[in-house]
């Protein structure tokens, strides 16, 4: 008798908490992906900045200044492209998260709403 009661209680609790578990797993995955994106972006931008600082420290005369200035357009182009790529990745992550949340919500509504 008690075994059936505890089994029923356990099954109902698992069924009730299932949407929360799915949501928490989705949140953890999303935070992990966002953190990785931010760390990669920070690494890339830091490397770009350090490279430019090293290049600027090599300027010793008008010729090296001219060469350094000529490279700046290329560097700004790379920076702009990197920022666009990071923005696109972030939009993709946000869209995937939104779609996953909608899927979880739809599944949860199907279990709650009678057909």
C-alpha atoms as a PDB file:
ATOM      1  CA  UNK A   1       0.000   0.000   0.000  1.00  0.00           C
ATOM      2  CA  UNK A   2       2.699   2.502   1.006  1.00  0.00           C
ATOM      3  CA  UNK A   3       4.863   1.417  -1.909  1.00  0.00           C
ATOM      4  CA  UNK A   4       2.117   2.308  -4.377  1.00  0.00           C
ATOM      5  CA  UNK A   5       1.545   5.620  -2.631  1.00  0.00           C
ATOM      6  CA  UNK A   6       5.243   6.577  -2.785  1.00  0.00           C
ATOM      7  CA  UNK A   7       5.540   5.444  -6.395  1.00  0.00           C
ATOM      8  CA  UNK A   8       2.521   7.535  -7.371  1.00  0.00           C
ATOM      9  CA  UNK A   9       3.853  10.494  -5.404  1.00  0.00           C
ATOM     10  CA  UNK A  10       7.284  10.180  -7.027  1.00  0.00           C
ATOM     11  CA  UNK A  11       5.807   9.895 -10.519  1.00  0.00           C
ATOM     12  CA  UNK A  12       3.582  12.927 -10.004  1.00  0.00           C
ATOM     13  CA  UNK A  13       6.467  14.957  -8.593  1.00  0.00           C
ATOM     14  CA  UNK A  14       8.723  14.072 -11.533  1.00  0.00           C
ATOM     15  CA  UNK A  15       5.961  14.968 -13.984  1.00  0.00           C
ATOM     16  CA  UNK A  16       5.319  18.269 -12.200  1.00  0.00           C
ATOM     17  CA  UNK A  17       8.991  19.246 -12.045  1.00  0.00           C
ATOM     18  CA  UNK A  18       9.879  18.115 -15.586  1.00  0.00           C
ATOM     19  CA  UNK A  19       9.299  21.571 -17.201  1.00  0.00           C
ATOM     20  CA  UNK A  20      11.471  23.215 -14.541  1.00  0.00           C
ATOM     21  CA  UNK A  21      14.250  20.692 -15.121  1.00  0.00           C
ATOM     22  CA  UNK A  22      14.107  21.271 -18.884  1.00  0.00           C
ATOM     23  CA  UNK A  23      14.141  25.042 -18.384  1.00  0.00           C
ATOM     24  CA  UNK A  24      17.092  24.871 -15.975  1.00  0.00           C
ATOM     25  CA  UNK A  25      19.078  22.687 -18.386  1.00  0.00           C
ATOM     26  CA  UNK A  26      18.313  25.099 -21.216  1.00  0.00           C
ATOM     27  CA  UNK A  27      19.405  28.074 -19.102  1.00  0.00           C
ATOM     28  CA  UNK A  28      22.635  26.346 -18.100  1.00  0.00           C
ATOM     29  CA  UNK A  29      23.399  25.487 -21.732  1.00  0.00           C
ATOM     30  CA  UNK A  30      22.641  29.055 -22.834  1.00  0.00           C
ATOM     31  CA  UNK A  31      24.852  30.580 -20.134  1.00  0.00           C
ATOM     32  CA  UNK A  32      27.647  28.197 -21.110  1.00  0.00           C
ATOM     33  CA  UNK A  33      27.403  29.127 -24.807  1.00  0.00           C
ATOM     34  CA  UNK A  34      27.230  32.855 -24.043  1.00  0.00           C
ATOM     35  CA  UNK A  35      30.209  32.646 -21.702  1.00  0.00           C
ATOM     36  CA  UNK A  36      32.242  30.822 -24.325  1.00  0.00           C
ATOM     37  CA  UNK A  37      31.291  33.439 -26.938  1.00  0.00           C
ATOM     38  CA  UNK A  38      32.283  36.270 -24.621  1.00  0.00           C
ATOM     39  CA  UNK A  39      35.585  34.653 -23.672  1.00  0.00           C
ATOM     40  CA  UNK A  40      36.463  34.069 -27.324  1.00  0.00           C
ATOM     41  CA  UNK A  41      35.523  37.644 -28.208  1.00  0.00           C
ATOM     42  CA  UNK A  42      37.575  39.010 -25.313  1.00  0.00           C
ATOM     43  CA  UNK A  43      40.560  36.926 -26.373  1.00  0.00           C
ATOM     44  CA  UNK A  44      40.288  38.051 -29.999  1.00  0.00           C
ATOM     45  CA  UNK A  45      39.862  41.744 -29.178  1.00  0.00           C
ATOM     46  CA  UNK A  46      42.688  41.624 -26.640  1.00  0.00           C
ATOM     47  CA  UNK A  47      45.023  40.029 -29.181  1.00  0.00           C
ATOM     48  CA  UNK A  48      44.085  42.662 -31.751  1.00  0.00           C
ATOM     49  CA  UNK A  49      44.709  45.456 -29.263  1.00  0.00           C
ATOM     50  CA  UNK A  50      48.051  44.059 -28.135  1.00  0.00           C
ATOM     51  CA  UNK A  51      49.159  43.596 -31.726  1.00  0.00           C
ATOM     52  CA  UNK A  52      48.317  47.233 -32.428  1.00  0.00           C
ATOM     53  CA  UNK A  53      50.147  48.411 -29.318  1.00  0.00           C
ATOM     54  CA  UNK A  54      53.234  46.456 -30.365  1.00  0.00           C
ATOM     55  CA  UNK A  55      52.993  47.860 -33.884  1.00  0.00           C
ATOM     56  CA  UNK A  56      52.629  51.394 -32.517  1.00  0.00           C
ATOM     57  CA  UNK A  57      55.675  50.918 -30.292  1.00  0.00           C
ATOM     58  CA  UNK A  58      57.707  50.045 -33.392  1.00  0.00           C
ATOM     59  CA  UNK A  59      57.081  53.497 -34.921  1.00  0.00           C
ATOM     60  CA  UNK A  60      60.432  55.255 -34.903  1.00  0.00           C
ATOM     61  CA  UNK A  61      60.422  57.510 -37.931  1.00  0.00           C
ATOM     62  CA  UNK A  62      58.189  58.930 -40.654  1.00  0.00           C
ATOM     63  CA  UNK A  63      58.513  55.815 -42.822  1.00  0.00           C
ATOM     64  CA  UNK A  64      57.423  53.444 -40.045  1.00  0.00           C
ATOM     65  CA  UNK A  65      54.629  55.879 -39.098  1.00  0.00           C
ATOM     66  CA  UNK A  66      53.392  55.848 -42.696  1.00  0.00           C
ATOM     67  CA  UNK A  67      53.468  52.034 -42.761  1.00  0.00           C
ATOM     68  CA  UNK A  68      51.660  51.868 -39.410  1.00  0.00           C
ATOM     69  CA  UNK A  69      49.000  54.327 -40.574  1.00  0.00           C
ATOM     70  CA  UNK A  70      48.518  52.365 -43.781  1.00  0.00           C
ATOM     71  CA  UNK A  71      47.831  49.184 -41.806  1.00  0.00           C
ATOM     72  CA  UNK A  72      45.161  50.833 -39.651  1.00  0.00           C
ATOM     73  CA  UNK A  73      42.470  50.622 -42.327  1.00  0.00           C
ATOM     74  CA  UNK A  74      43.083  46.874 -42.640  1.00  0.00           C
ATOM     75  CA  UNK A  75      42.972  46.480 -38.856  1.00  0.00           C
ATOM     76  CA  UNK A  76      39.730  48.456 -38.592  1.00  0.00           C
ATOM     77  CA  UNK A  77      38.256  46.312 -41.344  1.00  0.00           C
ATOM     78  CA  UNK A  78      39.215  43.131 -39.443  1.00  0.00           C
ATOM     79  CA  UNK A  79      37.785  44.580 -36.235  1.00  0.00           C
ATOM     80  CA  UNK A  80      34.549  45.527 -37.964  1.00  0.00           C
ATOM     81  CA  UNK A  81      34.232  42.050 -39.496  1.00  0.00           C
ATOM     82  CA  UNK A  82      34.922  40.387 -36.127  1.00  0.00           C
ATOM     83  CA  UNK A  83      32.258  42.517 -34.459  1.00  0.00           C
ATOM     84  CA  UNK A  84      29.744  41.616 -37.170  1.00  0.00           C
ATOM     85  CA  UNK A  85      30.568  37.912 -36.789  1.00  0.00           C
ATOM     86  CA  UNK A  86      30.169  38.120 -33.011  1.00  0.00           C
ATOM     87  CA  UNK A  87      26.879  39.971 -33.410  1.00  0.00           C
ATOM     88  CA  UNK A  88      25.586  37.301 -35.808  1.00  0.00           C
ATOM     89  CA  UNK A  89      26.627  34.535 -33.401  1.00  0.00           C
ATOM     90  CA  UNK A  90      24.844  36.300 -30.550  1.00  0.00           C
ATOM     91  CA  UNK A  91      21.683  36.693 -32.624  1.00  0.00           C
ATOM     92  CA  UNK A  92      21.823  33.017 -33.546  1.00  0.00           C
ATOM     93  CA  UNK A  93      22.196  32.002 -29.896  1.00  0.00           C
ATOM     94  CA  UNK A  94      19.288  34.247 -28.888  1.00  0.00           C
ATOM     95  CA  UNK A  95      17.055  32.855 -31.654  1.00  0.00           C
ATOM     96  CA  UNK A  96      17.891  29.259 -30.709  1.00  0.00           C
ATOM     97  CA  UNK A  97      17.147  30.025 -27.048  1.00  0.00           C
ATOM     98  CA  UNK A  98      13.815  31.644 -27.955  1.00  0.00           C
ATOM     99  CA  UNK A  99      12.869  28.658 -30.124  1.00  0.00           C
ATOM    100  CA  UNK A 100      13.776  26.210 -27.351  1.00  0.00           C
ATOM    101  CA  UNK A 101      11.732  28.178 -24.797  1.00  0.00           C
ATOM    102  CA  UNK A 102       8.755  28.199 -27.154  1.00  0.00           C
ATOM    103  CA  UNK A 103       9.096  24.450 -27.655  1.00  0.00           C
ATOM    104  CA  UNK A 104       9.199  23.806 -23.902  1.00  0.00           C
ATOM    105  CA  UNK A 105       6.180  26.068 -23.405  1.00  0.00           C
ATOM    106  CA  UNK A 106       4.240  24.338 -26.171  1.00  0.00           C
ATOM    107  CA  UNK A 107       5.033  20.889 -24.763  1.00  0.00           C
ATOM    108  CA  UNK A 108       4.012  22.008 -21.287  1.00  0.00           C
ATOM    109  CA  UNK A 109       0.738  23.484 -22.539  1.00  0.00           C
ATOM    110  CA  UNK A 110      -0.079  20.240 -24.367  1.00  0.00           C
ATOM    111  CA  UNK A 111       0.275  18.267 -21.161  1.00  0.00           C
ATOM    112  CA  UNK A 112      -1.838  20.732 -19.171  1.00  0.00           C
ATOM    113  CA  UNK A 113      -4.535  21.544 -21.726  1.00  0.00           C
ATOM    114  CA  UNK A 114      -7.059  18.796 -22.492  1.00  0.00           C
ATOM    115  CA  UNK A 115      -7.312  17.917 -26.181  1.00  0.00           C
END
